[in-house]
Amino acid sequence: MSKWEKLLQRILELSKDMRFEELRKVLESYGYRMDAPRGGSSHRTFRKAKHQPITIPINNPIKRVYVEMVRDVIESEVGSDEKN
């Protein structure tokens, strides 16, 4: 199993030790872009056309609710690939 597959598996299993950079890598691979705020905020927002923005704090480890958001992105992207 490749590193990428292991990372996706950890997200799908809602691992408790996910890091911000790991979620960022996954979201950017699915076409989301990260917007940094102008101020000194501890959150980053990921945006993709025709999708809801996802805001994630830069804390490590990441709370489960944010991992669930990224898991939903993965599942929707995989589902849309299967339809095509």
N, C-alpha and C. Protein backbone atom coordinates (compact mmCIF):
# COMPACT_ATOMS: atom_id res chain seq x y z
N MET A 1 0.86 -1.17 0.00
CA MET A 1 0.00 0.00 0.00
C MET A 1 0.91 1.24 0.00
N SER A 2 0.63 2.17 -0.89
CA SER A 2 1.44 3.38 -1.00
C SER A 2 1.16 4.34 0.16
N LYS A 3 2.03 5.34 0.30
CA LYS A 3 1.84 6.35 1.35
C LYS A 3 0.51 7.09 1.16
N TRP A 4 0.18 7.37 -0.10
CA TRP A 4 -1.06 8.08 -0.41
C TRP A 4 -2.27 7.25 0.02
N GLU A 5 -2.25 5.96 -0.32
CA GLU A 5 -3.36 5.08 0.06
C GLU A 5 -3.48 4.97 1.57
N LYS A 6 -2.35 4.92 2.27
CA LYS A 6 -2.36 4.87 3.74
C LYS A 6 -2.95 6.14 4.32
N LEU A 7 -2.59 7.28 3.74
CA LEU A 7 -3.13 8.56 4.21
C LEU A 7 -4.64 8.60 4.02
N LEU A 8 -5.11 8.22 2.85
CA LEU A 8 -6.56 8.21 2.60
C LEU A 8 -7.26 7.24 3.55
N GLN A 9 -6.65 6.09 3.80
CA GLN A 9 -7.24 5.11 4.71
C GLN A 9 -7.35 5.67 6.12
N ARG A 10 -6.33 6.39 6.58
CA ARG A 10 -6.37 7.00 7.91
C ARG A 10 -7.51 8.02 8.02
N ILE A 11 -7.72 8.77 6.95
CA ILE A 11 -8.82 9.75 6.96
C ILE A 11 -10.16 9.04 6.97
N LEU A 12 -10.31 8.03 6.14
CA LEU A 12 -11.57 7.30 6.08
C LEU A 12 -11.89 6.61 7.40
N GLU A 13 -10.86 6.23 8.15
CA GLU A 13 -11.06 5.61 9.46
C GLU A 13 -11.16 6.64 10.58
N LEU A 14 -11.12 7.92 10.23
CA LEU A 14 -11.20 9.03 11.19
C LEU A 14 -10.13 8.93 12.28
N SER A 15 -8.91 8.78 11.84
CA SER A 15 -7.77 8.69 12.75
C SER A 15 -7.72 9.90 13.68
N LYS A 16 -7.31 9.67 14.92
CA LYS A 16 -7.27 10.74 15.92
C LYS A 16 -5.98 11.54 15.89
N ASP A 17 -5.03 11.14 15.08
CA ASP A 17 -3.75 11.84 15.06
C ASP A 17 -3.44 12.50 13.71
N MET A 18 -4.46 12.96 13.02
CA MET A 18 -4.27 13.63 11.74
C MET A 18 -3.67 15.01 11.97
N ARG A 19 -2.82 15.41 11.04
CA ARG A 19 -2.17 16.72 11.13
C ARG A 19 -2.73 17.62 10.02
N PHE A 20 -2.64 18.92 10.26
CA PHE A 20 -3.15 19.91 9.30
C PHE A 20 -2.54 19.70 7.92
N GLU A 21 -1.24 19.52 7.85
CA GLU A 21 -0.57 19.39 6.55
C GLU A 21 -1.05 18.17 5.77
N GLU A 22 -1.43 17.11 6.48
CA GLU A 22 -1.94 15.92 5.79
C GLU A 22 -3.29 16.21 5.16
N LEU A 23 -4.16 16.89 5.90
CA LEU A 23 -5.48 17.25 5.34
C LEU A 23 -5.33 18.24 4.20
N ARG A 24 -4.40 19.16 4.36
CA ARG A 24 -4.14 20.14 3.29
C ARG A 24 -3.72 19.43 2.01
N LYS A 25 -2.82 18.49 2.12
CA LYS A 25 -2.32 17.75 0.96
C LYS A 25 -3.47 17.05 0.23
N VAL A 26 -4.36 16.44 0.98
CA VAL A 26 -5.48 15.72 0.38
C VAL A 26 -6.44 16.69 -0.31
N LEU A 27 -6.81 17.76 0.40
CA LEU A 27 -7.75 18.72 -0.19
C LEU A 27 -7.17 19.35 -1.46
N GLU A 28 -5.90 19.72 -1.43
CA GLU A 28 -5.30 20.33 -2.61
C GLU A 28 -5.21 19.34 -3.77
N SER A 29 -5.04 18.05 -3.47
CA SER A 29 -4.99 17.06 -4.54
C SER A 29 -6.35 16.90 -5.23
N TYR A 30 -7.43 17.24 -4.51
CA TYR A 30 -8.77 17.17 -5.10
C TYR A 30 -9.22 18.52 -5.67
N GLY A 31 -8.29 19.45 -5.84
CA GLY A 31 -8.59 20.70 -6.52
C GLY A 31 -8.99 21.86 -5.63
N TYR A 32 -8.93 21.70 -4.33
CA TYR A 32 -9.22 22.82 -3.43
C TYR A 32 -7.98 23.70 -3.33
N ARG A 33 -8.21 25.00 -3.16
CA ARG A 33 -7.09 25.91 -2.94
C ARG A 33 -7.23 26.53 -1.56
N MET A 34 -6.12 26.75 -0.91
CA MET A 34 -6.14 27.28 0.45
C MET A 34 -6.07 28.79 0.40
N ASP A 35 -6.97 29.44 1.13
CA ASP A 35 -6.96 30.88 1.27
C ASP A 35 -6.49 31.22 2.68
N ALA A 36 -5.41 31.99 2.75
CA ALA A 36 -4.92 32.43 4.05
C ALA A 36 -5.57 33.77 4.37
N PRO A 37 -6.00 33.97 5.60
CA PRO A 37 -6.62 35.24 5.97
C PRO A 37 -5.59 36.36 5.99
N ARG A 38 -6.06 37.57 5.91
CA ARG A 38 -5.14 38.72 5.93
C ARG A 38 -4.58 38.95 7.32
N GLY A 39 -5.37 38.61 8.33
CA GLY A 39 -4.91 38.78 9.71
C GLY A 39 -4.15 37.55 10.18
N GLY A 40 -3.95 37.46 11.46
CA GLY A 40 -3.19 36.35 12.02
C GLY A 40 -4.07 35.22 12.50
N SER A 41 -5.04 34.82 11.72
CA SER A 41 -5.97 33.77 12.11
C SER A 41 -5.29 32.41 12.19
N SER A 42 -5.83 31.56 13.03
CA SER A 42 -5.30 30.20 13.17
C SER A 42 -6.08 29.21 12.32
N HIS A 43 -6.92 29.70 11.42
CA HIS A 43 -7.72 28.84 10.55
C HIS A 43 -7.40 29.13 9.08
N ARG A 44 -7.58 28.12 8.26
CA ARG A 44 -7.41 28.27 6.81
C ARG A 44 -8.68 27.75 6.14
N THR A 45 -9.08 28.44 5.07
CA THR A 45 -10.27 28.04 4.33
C THR A 45 -9.85 27.48 2.98
N PHE A 46 -10.42 26.34 2.66
CA PHE A 46 -10.17 25.67 1.38
C PHE A 46 -11.40 25.83 0.51
N ARG A 47 -11.18 26.27 -0.73
CA ARG A 47 -12.29 26.53 -1.64
C ARG A 47 -12.11 25.81 -2.96
N LYS A 48 -13.25 25.41 -3.52
CA LYS A 48 -13.28 24.79 -4.85
C LYS A 48 -14.59 25.23 -5.49
N ALA A 49 -14.54 25.55 -6.76
CA ALA A 49 -15.74 26.01 -7.47
C ALA A 49 -16.87 25.00 -7.31
N LYS A 50 -18.06 25.50 -7.05
CA LYS A 50 -19.29 24.71 -6.93
C LYS A 50 -19.29 23.76 -5.72
N HIS A 51 -18.44 24.02 -4.74
CA HIS A 51 -18.39 23.23 -3.52
C HIS A 51 -18.40 24.17 -2.31
N GLN A 52 -18.88 23.65 -1.19
CA GLN A 52 -18.88 24.42 0.04
C GLN A 52 -17.44 24.62 0.50
N PRO A 53 -17.09 25.81 1.00
CA PRO A 53 -15.75 26.00 1.56
C PRO A 53 -15.60 25.19 2.84
N ILE A 54 -14.38 24.79 3.13
CA ILE A 54 -14.06 24.04 4.33
C ILE A 54 -13.03 24.84 5.12
N THR A 55 -13.34 25.16 6.35
CA THR A 55 -12.42 25.90 7.21
C THR A 55 -11.86 24.96 8.27
N ILE A 56 -10.53 24.93 8.36
CA ILE A 56 -9.85 24.00 9.27
C ILE A 56 -8.83 24.79 10.10
N PRO A 57 -8.78 24.55 11.42
CA PRO A 57 -7.75 25.20 12.24
C PRO A 57 -6.39 24.56 12.01
N ILE A 58 -5.34 25.28 12.29
CA ILE A 58 -3.99 24.77 12.08
C ILE A 58 -3.51 23.98 13.30
N ASN A 59 -4.36 23.69 14.24
CA ASN A 59 -3.98 22.92 15.42
C ASN A 59 -3.58 21.50 15.04
N ASN A 60 -2.69 20.91 15.82
CA ASN A 60 -2.32 19.51 15.64
C ASN A 60 -2.43 18.81 16.98
N PRO A 61 -3.06 17.68 17.08
CA PRO A 61 -3.78 16.99 16.02
C PRO A 61 -5.11 17.68 15.71
N ILE A 62 -5.66 17.36 14.56
CA ILE A 62 -6.92 17.95 14.12
C ILE A 62 -8.08 17.21 14.78
N LYS A 63 -9.09 17.97 15.21
CA LYS A 63 -10.27 17.36 15.82
C LYS A 63 -11.04 16.53 14.79
N ARG A 64 -11.74 15.56 15.30
CA ARG A 64 -12.47 14.60 14.47
C ARG A 64 -13.44 15.26 13.50
N VAL A 65 -14.12 16.32 13.91
CA VAL A 65 -15.12 16.96 13.06
C VAL A 65 -14.51 17.45 11.75
N TYR A 66 -13.26 17.93 11.80
CA TYR A 66 -12.61 18.42 10.59
C TYR A 66 -12.14 17.26 9.71
N VAL A 67 -11.72 16.18 10.33
CA VAL A 67 -11.34 14.98 9.57
C VAL A 67 -12.59 14.43 8.86
N GLU A 68 -13.74 14.49 9.53
CA GLU A 68 -14.99 14.04 8.91
C GLU A 68 -15.31 14.87 7.67
N MET A 69 -15.05 16.19 7.72
CA MET A 69 -15.30 17.04 6.56
C MET A 69 -14.45 16.60 5.37
N VAL A 70 -13.19 16.31 5.64
CA VAL A 70 -12.29 15.89 4.55
C VAL A 70 -12.69 14.50 4.06
N ARG A 71 -13.11 13.62 4.97
CA ARG A 71 -13.58 12.30 4.57
C ARG A 71 -14.77 12.44 3.62
N ASP A 72 -15.69 13.36 3.92
CA ASP A 72 -16.84 13.58 3.04
C ASP A 72 -16.40 14.04 1.66
N VAL A 73 -15.36 14.87 1.59
CA VAL A 73 -14.82 15.31 0.30
C VAL A 73 -14.30 14.11 -0.48
N ILE A 74 -13.52 13.27 0.19
CA ILE A 74 -12.95 12.09 -0.47
C ILE A 74 -14.07 11.20 -1.00
N GLU A 75 -15.06 10.93 -0.17
CA GLU A 75 -16.15 10.05 -0.59
C GLU A 75 -16.93 10.65 -1.75
N SER A 76 -17.14 11.96 -1.74
CA SER A 76 -17.89 12.58 -2.86
C SER A 76 -17.06 12.57 -4.14
N GLU A 77 -15.75 12.78 -4.02
CA GLU A 77 -14.89 12.77 -5.20
C GLU A 77 -14.78 11.37 -5.78
N VAL A 78 -14.65 10.37 -4.93
CA VAL A 78 -14.58 8.98 -5.40
C VAL A 78 -15.90 8.60 -6.04
N GLY A 79 -17.02 9.03 -5.44
CA GLY A 79 -18.34 8.74 -6.00
C GLY A 79 -18.54 9.38 -7.36
N SER A 80 -18.04 10.61 -7.54
CA SER A 80 -18.21 11.28 -8.83
C SER A 80 -17.30 10.65 -9.88
N ASP A 81 -16.15 10.12 -9.48
CA ASP A 81 -15.28 9.43 -10.43
C ASP A 81 -15.93 8.15 -10.94
N GLU A 82 -16.65 7.45 -10.05
CA GLU A 82 -17.29 6.20 -10.44
C GLU A 82 -18.45 6.44 -11.41
N LYS A 83 -19.09 7.60 -11.32
CA LYS A 83 -20.21 7.92 -12.21
C LYS A 83 -19.74 8.22 -13.61
N ASN A 84 -18.49 8.71 -13.74
CA ASN A 84 -17.96 9.09 -15.06
C ASN A 84 -17.37 7.94 -15.79
